[in-house]
Structures are given as C-alpha cells and as structure tokens.
Amino acid sequence: VDLNAQNWIHGSENCKKKIDPPIQIVKYNSNTYILRQNKCTNYEAPFMFLFFGENKALLMDTGATEEHDIFPLYETVKGIINDWSEKNGEVELVVAHTHSKENQIQR
C-alpha cells in the first residue's frame, strides 16, 4: 500500500449527509491496519493503529469520540480482529493511549 497515494477521508462537505464512513480503514500489510476517524465526527480526525502479533493485537489510541452510535470503534476493531483471527488464530486485544484527552499542562 502506497500511503502517499492514499486518499484520506477528511469529512464530507455536508456532514449532515454522512456520505463517508465514520472510520476509514487501510490495511497497510497483513498485520497492520491504520484507522482514521472521520472529520465530521471530530475536527482532529485522529489516526489509530492496530498491530497484530502472535498472541496479541495492539490498538494504539481510541479516537476522540465516545458515542458508539457516531463512532463505532469497538465494532470496527472487533470486526477486523475477527477476520484476522479466522486466518491466523485468536488474539487478545491490548489498548494503549499515546496521550491523554487533555493535552494541555495545567498550571
């Protein structure tokens, strides 16, 4: 996958029409997925990374929206893991955050 040629979804011109998926999924290779939150659900449109190893899968970050009906991260990641596990065996999911939701230092 040439990520330079990838057309990342930045959000629909009219977010009320919701023509783009809430999470864009790019399979980078057989063990690495890149997910991006739709800008219509959060202006930051954060990236998340899902890595598969022999016994575990690691999800780096969980996006910026908690409402699962707007941002179905759990269902999306579970679907990717289920598909991967059918070919490679079951894995345990580990979730890690690279930063807190409040990135500012309190004084």
N, C-alpha and C. Protein backbone atom coordinates (compact mmCIF):
# COMPACT_ATOMS: atom_id res chain seq x y z
N VAL A 1 0.85 -1.18 0.00
CA VAL A 1 0.00 0.00 0.00
C VAL A 1 0.89 1.23 0.00
N ASP A 2 0.67 2.11 -0.95
CA ASP A 2 1.40 3.37 -1.01
C ASP A 2 0.58 4.42 -0.26
N LEU A 3 0.99 4.70 0.98
CA LEU A 3 0.21 5.65 1.78
C LEU A 3 0.27 7.06 1.24
N ASN A 4 1.29 7.39 0.43
CA ASN A 4 1.34 8.71 -0.20
C ASN A 4 0.24 8.86 -1.23
N ALA A 5 -0.18 7.74 -1.83
CA ALA A 5 -1.24 7.77 -2.83
C ALA A 5 -2.62 7.59 -2.20
N GLN A 6 -2.65 7.30 -0.91
CA GLN A 6 -3.93 7.07 -0.22
C GLN A 6 -4.74 8.36 -0.14
N ASN A 7 -6.00 8.26 -0.48
CA ASN A 7 -6.89 9.40 -0.33
C ASN A 7 -7.57 9.30 1.02
N TRP A 8 -7.07 10.04 1.98
CA TRP A 8 -7.67 10.02 3.31
C TRP A 8 -8.95 10.83 3.30
N ILE A 9 -9.97 10.30 3.95
CA ILE A 9 -11.25 10.99 4.04
C ILE A 9 -11.10 12.11 5.07
N HIS A 10 -11.38 13.31 4.65
CA HIS A 10 -11.26 14.46 5.55
C HIS A 10 -12.59 14.91 6.11
N GLY A 11 -13.67 14.28 5.69
CA GLY A 11 -15.01 14.68 6.11
C GLY A 11 -15.79 15.18 4.92
N SER A 12 -17.05 14.94 4.94
CA SER A 12 -17.91 15.36 3.84
C SER A 12 -18.07 16.87 3.83
N GLU A 13 -18.35 17.42 2.65
CA GLU A 13 -18.63 18.86 2.59
C GLU A 13 -19.84 19.20 3.44
N ASN A 14 -20.82 18.31 3.44
CA ASN A 14 -22.01 18.49 4.26
C ASN A 14 -22.08 17.29 5.21
N CYS A 15 -21.66 17.47 6.43
CA CYS A 15 -21.60 16.36 7.38
C CYS A 15 -22.98 15.79 7.72
N LYS A 16 -24.02 16.55 7.51
CA LYS A 16 -25.37 16.05 7.80
C LYS A 16 -25.77 14.92 6.85
N LYS A 17 -25.16 14.86 5.67
CA LYS A 17 -25.49 13.80 4.71
C LYS A 17 -24.75 12.50 5.02
N LYS A 18 -23.66 12.56 5.78
CA LYS A 18 -22.90 11.38 6.21
C LYS A 18 -22.62 10.40 5.07
N ILE A 19 -22.00 10.88 4.02
CA ILE A 19 -21.72 10.00 2.88
C ILE A 19 -20.44 9.18 3.10
N ASP A 20 -19.56 9.61 3.98
CA ASP A 20 -18.33 8.88 4.25
C ASP A 20 -18.49 8.05 5.52
N PRO A 21 -17.76 6.92 5.61
CA PRO A 21 -17.86 6.10 6.82
C PRO A 21 -17.29 6.82 8.03
N PRO A 22 -17.74 6.49 9.23
CA PRO A 22 -17.22 7.15 10.42
C PRO A 22 -15.76 6.80 10.70
N ILE A 23 -15.30 5.65 10.17
CA ILE A 23 -13.91 5.24 10.34
C ILE A 23 -13.40 4.71 9.01
N GLN A 24 -12.32 5.30 8.54
CA GLN A 24 -11.68 4.80 7.33
C GLN A 24 -10.65 3.75 7.74
N ILE A 25 -10.64 2.62 7.04
CA ILE A 25 -9.73 1.52 7.36
C ILE A 25 -8.79 1.30 6.19
N VAL A 26 -7.49 1.30 6.47
CA VAL A 26 -6.49 0.99 5.46
C VAL A 26 -5.66 -0.18 5.98
N LYS A 27 -5.65 -1.25 5.20
CA LYS A 27 -4.82 -2.40 5.55
C LYS A 27 -3.43 -2.13 4.99
N TYR A 28 -2.49 -1.81 5.89
CA TYR A 28 -1.13 -1.47 5.47
C TYR A 28 -0.37 -2.72 5.02
N ASN A 29 -0.48 -3.78 5.82
CA ASN A 29 0.05 -5.10 5.45
C ASN A 29 -0.78 -6.13 6.20
N SER A 30 -0.38 -7.39 6.18
CA SER A 30 -1.22 -8.44 6.76
C SER A 30 -1.39 -8.32 8.27
N ASN A 31 -0.52 -7.57 8.95
CA ASN A 31 -0.59 -7.45 10.41
C ASN A 31 -0.75 -6.02 10.91
N THR A 32 -0.97 -5.07 10.02
CA THR A 32 -1.05 -3.67 10.42
C THR A 32 -2.21 -2.99 9.70
N TYR A 33 -3.06 -2.35 10.50
CA TYR A 33 -4.19 -1.58 9.97
C TYR A 33 -4.09 -0.15 10.48
N ILE A 34 -4.42 0.78 9.62
CA ILE A 34 -4.49 2.19 10.00
C ILE A 34 -5.95 2.60 9.92
N LEU A 35 -6.45 3.18 11.00
CA LEU A 35 -7.83 3.64 11.05
C LEU A 35 -7.81 5.15 11.23
N ARG A 36 -8.73 5.83 10.60
CA ARG A 36 -8.82 7.28 10.78
C ARG A 36 -10.26 7.66 11.04
N GLN A 37 -10.44 8.45 12.09
CA GLN A 37 -11.77 8.93 12.44
C GLN A 37 -12.20 10.00 11.44
N ASN A 38 -13.44 9.93 11.01
CA ASN A 38 -13.99 10.90 10.08
C ASN A 38 -14.02 12.28 10.73
N LYS A 39 -13.62 13.28 9.96
CA LYS A 39 -13.57 14.65 10.47
C LYS A 39 -14.95 15.19 10.83
N CYS A 40 -15.99 14.58 10.30
CA CYS A 40 -17.35 15.01 10.65
C CYS A 40 -17.73 14.58 12.06
N THR A 41 -17.00 13.60 12.62
CA THR A 41 -17.29 13.18 13.99
C THR A 41 -16.38 13.85 15.00
N ASN A 42 -15.21 14.34 14.54
CA ASN A 42 -14.31 15.12 15.39
C ASN A 42 -13.35 15.88 14.50
N TYR A 43 -13.17 17.15 14.77
CA TYR A 43 -12.37 18.01 13.90
C TYR A 43 -10.90 17.58 13.80
N GLU A 44 -10.40 16.85 14.79
CA GLU A 44 -9.00 16.42 14.76
C GLU A 44 -8.77 15.25 13.80
N ALA A 45 -9.81 14.47 13.51
CA ALA A 45 -9.72 13.30 12.63
C ALA A 45 -8.50 12.44 12.98
N PRO A 46 -8.43 11.96 14.23
CA PRO A 46 -7.24 11.24 14.66
C PRO A 46 -7.06 9.89 13.96
N PHE A 47 -5.80 9.49 13.90
CA PHE A 47 -5.43 8.17 13.38
C PHE A 47 -5.30 7.21 14.55
N MET A 48 -5.62 5.95 14.30
CA MET A 48 -5.41 4.86 15.25
C MET A 48 -4.70 3.75 14.49
N PHE A 49 -3.92 2.97 15.20
CA PHE A 49 -3.15 1.91 14.57
C PHE A 49 -3.44 0.60 15.28
N LEU A 50 -3.67 -0.45 14.48
CA LEU A 50 -3.96 -1.77 15.01
C LEU A 50 -2.88 -2.72 14.50
N PHE A 51 -2.09 -3.25 15.43
CA PHE A 51 -0.98 -4.14 15.10
C PHE A 51 -1.28 -5.54 15.62
N PHE A 52 -1.01 -6.56 14.81
CA PHE A 52 -1.22 -7.94 15.21
C PHE A 52 0.12 -8.64 15.42
N GLY A 53 0.21 -9.37 16.54
CA GLY A 53 1.35 -10.23 16.82
C GLY A 53 0.87 -11.66 16.92
N GLU A 54 1.71 -12.53 17.44
CA GLU A 54 1.34 -13.95 17.53
C GLU A 54 0.15 -14.20 18.45
N ASN A 55 0.13 -13.54 19.63
CA ASN A 55 -0.91 -13.79 20.63
C ASN A 55 -1.74 -12.58 21.00
N LYS A 56 -1.30 -11.42 20.56
CA LYS A 56 -1.98 -10.19 20.96
C LYS A 56 -2.14 -9.25 19.77
N ALA A 57 -3.15 -8.39 19.89
CA ALA A 57 -3.33 -7.29 18.96
C ALA A 57 -3.22 -6.02 19.79
N LEU A 58 -2.56 -5.01 19.26
CA LEU A 58 -2.36 -3.75 19.97
C LEU A 58 -3.06 -2.64 19.21
N LEU A 59 -4.00 -1.98 19.86
CA LEU A 59 -4.67 -0.81 19.31
C LEU A 59 -4.07 0.42 19.96
N MET A 60 -3.44 1.26 19.15
CA MET A 60 -2.86 2.49 19.64
C MET A 60 -3.88 3.61 19.48
N ASP A 61 -4.37 4.08 20.60
CA ASP A 61 -5.35 5.17 20.70
C ASP A 61 -6.77 4.70 20.36
N THR A 62 -7.72 5.50 20.79
CA THR A 62 -9.13 5.14 20.63
C THR A 62 -9.97 6.26 20.04
N GLY A 63 -9.34 7.18 19.34
CA GLY A 63 -10.10 8.25 18.71
C GLY A 63 -10.51 9.32 19.69
N ALA A 64 -11.41 10.19 19.23
CA ALA A 64 -11.76 11.36 20.02
C ALA A 64 -13.26 11.48 20.29
N THR A 65 -14.01 10.41 20.06
CA THR A 65 -15.45 10.46 20.29
C THR A 65 -15.87 9.20 21.02
N GLU A 66 -16.59 9.36 22.12
CA GLU A 66 -17.00 8.21 22.93
C GLU A 66 -18.33 7.59 22.49
N GLU A 67 -19.18 8.34 21.80
CA GLU A 67 -20.51 7.85 21.44
C GLU A 67 -20.39 6.80 20.33
N HIS A 68 -20.71 5.55 20.67
CA HIS A 68 -20.52 4.45 19.72
C HIS A 68 -21.47 4.52 18.53
N ASP A 69 -22.61 5.20 18.66
CA ASP A 69 -23.51 5.32 17.52
C ASP A 69 -22.96 6.29 16.48
N ILE A 70 -22.11 7.22 16.88
CA ILE A 70 -21.47 8.16 15.97
C ILE A 70 -20.12 7.63 15.50
N PHE A 71 -19.42 6.97 16.41
CA PHE A 71 -18.06 6.50 16.15
C PHE A 71 -17.94 5.06 16.63
N PRO A 72 -18.28 4.07 15.78
CA PRO A 72 -18.34 2.67 16.20
C PRO A 72 -16.97 1.98 16.23
N LEU A 73 -16.08 2.48 17.05
CA LEU A 73 -14.72 1.94 17.09
C LEU A 73 -14.69 0.49 17.56
N TYR A 74 -15.42 0.18 18.63
CA TYR A 74 -15.42 -1.18 19.16
C TYR A 74 -15.84 -2.18 18.09
N GLU A 75 -16.96 -1.92 17.43
CA GLU A 75 -17.47 -2.82 16.41
C GLU A 75 -16.50 -2.95 15.25
N THR A 76 -15.89 -1.84 14.86
CA THR A 76 -14.95 -1.84 13.74
C THR A 76 -13.72 -2.67 14.06
N VAL A 77 -13.12 -2.42 15.23
CA VAL A 77 -11.92 -3.15 15.62
C VAL A 77 -12.24 -4.63 15.83
N LYS A 78 -13.37 -4.91 16.44
CA LYS A 78 -13.76 -6.31 16.66
C LYS A 78 -13.92 -7.03 15.33
N GLY A 79 -14.49 -6.38 14.34
CA GLY A 79 -14.64 -6.97 13.01
C GLY A 79 -13.30 -7.28 12.36
N ILE A 80 -12.36 -6.34 12.46
CA ILE A 80 -11.01 -6.57 11.91
C ILE A 80 -10.34 -7.73 12.62
N ILE A 81 -10.43 -7.75 13.95
CA ILE A 81 -9.82 -8.83 14.73
C ILE A 81 -10.45 -10.18 14.39
N ASN A 82 -11.77 -10.22 14.27
CA ASN A 82 -12.45 -11.48 13.93
C ASN A 82 -11.99 -11.99 12.57
N ASP A 83 -11.90 -11.10 11.58
CA ASP A 83 -11.44 -11.51 10.24
C ASP A 83 -10.00 -12.01 10.30
N TRP A 84 -9.14 -11.29 11.01
CA TRP A 84 -7.73 -11.67 11.12
C TRP A 84 -7.60 -13.01 11.85
N SER A 85 -8.37 -13.19 12.91
CA SER A 85 -8.30 -14.40 13.73
C SER A 85 -8.74 -15.65 12.97
N GLU A 86 -9.67 -15.51 12.05
CA GLU A 86 -10.11 -16.67 11.25
C GLU A 86 -8.95 -17.28 10.47
N LYS A 87 -8.01 -16.45 10.04
CA LYS A 87 -6.88 -16.92 9.24
C LYS A 87 -5.65 -17.23 10.09
N ASN A 88 -5.52 -16.57 11.24
CA ASN A 88 -4.27 -16.61 11.98
C ASN A 88 -4.37 -17.11 13.42
N GLY A 89 -5.56 -17.30 13.92
CA GLY A 89 -5.75 -17.71 15.32
C GLY A 89 -6.15 -16.53 16.19
N GLU A 90 -6.76 -16.85 17.31
CA GLU A 90 -7.28 -15.81 18.21
C GLU A 90 -6.15 -15.02 18.87
N VAL A 91 -6.46 -13.75 19.11
CA VAL A 91 -5.52 -12.86 19.81
C VAL A 91 -6.27 -12.10 20.89
N GLU A 92 -5.53 -11.67 21.88
CA GLU A 92 -6.06 -10.81 22.94
C GLU A 92 -5.81 -9.36 22.53
N LEU A 93 -6.79 -8.51 22.74
CA LEU A 93 -6.64 -7.09 22.40
C LEU A 93 -6.06 -6.32 23.58
N VAL A 94 -5.03 -5.53 23.29
CA VAL A 94 -4.45 -4.61 24.25
C VAL A 94 -4.63 -3.21 23.68
N VAL A 95 -5.10 -2.28 24.50
CA VAL A 95 -5.33 -0.91 24.05
C VAL A 95 -4.37 0.01 24.79
N ALA A 96 -3.70 0.87 24.05
CA ALA A 96 -2.76 1.83 24.64
C ALA A 96 -3.08 3.22 24.12
N HIS A 97 -2.89 4.21 24.98
CA HIS A 97 -3.10 5.60 24.59
C HIS A 97 -1.75 6.31 24.57
N THR A 98 -1.52 7.06 23.50
CA THR A 98 -0.26 7.78 23.38
C THR A 98 -0.32 9.16 24.03
N HIS A 99 -1.53 9.60 24.36
CA HIS A 99 -1.70 10.90 25.02
C HIS A 99 -3.06 10.91 25.72
N SER A 100 -3.18 11.83 26.66
CA SER A 100 -4.47 11.96 27.33
C SER A 100 -5.38 12.83 26.49
N LYS A 101 -6.65 12.85 26.85
CA LYS A 101 -7.59 13.68 26.11
C LYS A 101 -7.36 15.17 26.37
N GLU A 102 -6.77 15.46 27.49
CA GLU A 102 -6.45 16.85 27.79
C GLU A 102 -4.95 17.00 27.63
N ASN A 103 -4.56 17.52 26.45
CA ASN A 103 -3.14 17.62 26.12
C ASN A 103 -2.45 18.84 26.72
N GLN A 104 -3.18 19.65 27.42
CA GLN A 104 -2.58 20.86 27.97
C GLN A 104 -2.11 20.62 29.40
N ILE A 105 -1.01 21.23 29.73
CA ILE A 105 -0.49 21.16 31.09
C ILE A 105 -1.24 22.16 31.95
N GLN A 106 -1.77 21.68 33.06
CA GLN A 106 -2.50 22.57 33.97
C GLN A 106 -1.50 23.32 34.85
N ARG A 107 -1.69 24.60 35.00
CA ARG A 107 -0.80 25.40 35.83
C ARG A 107 -1.49 25.80 37.09
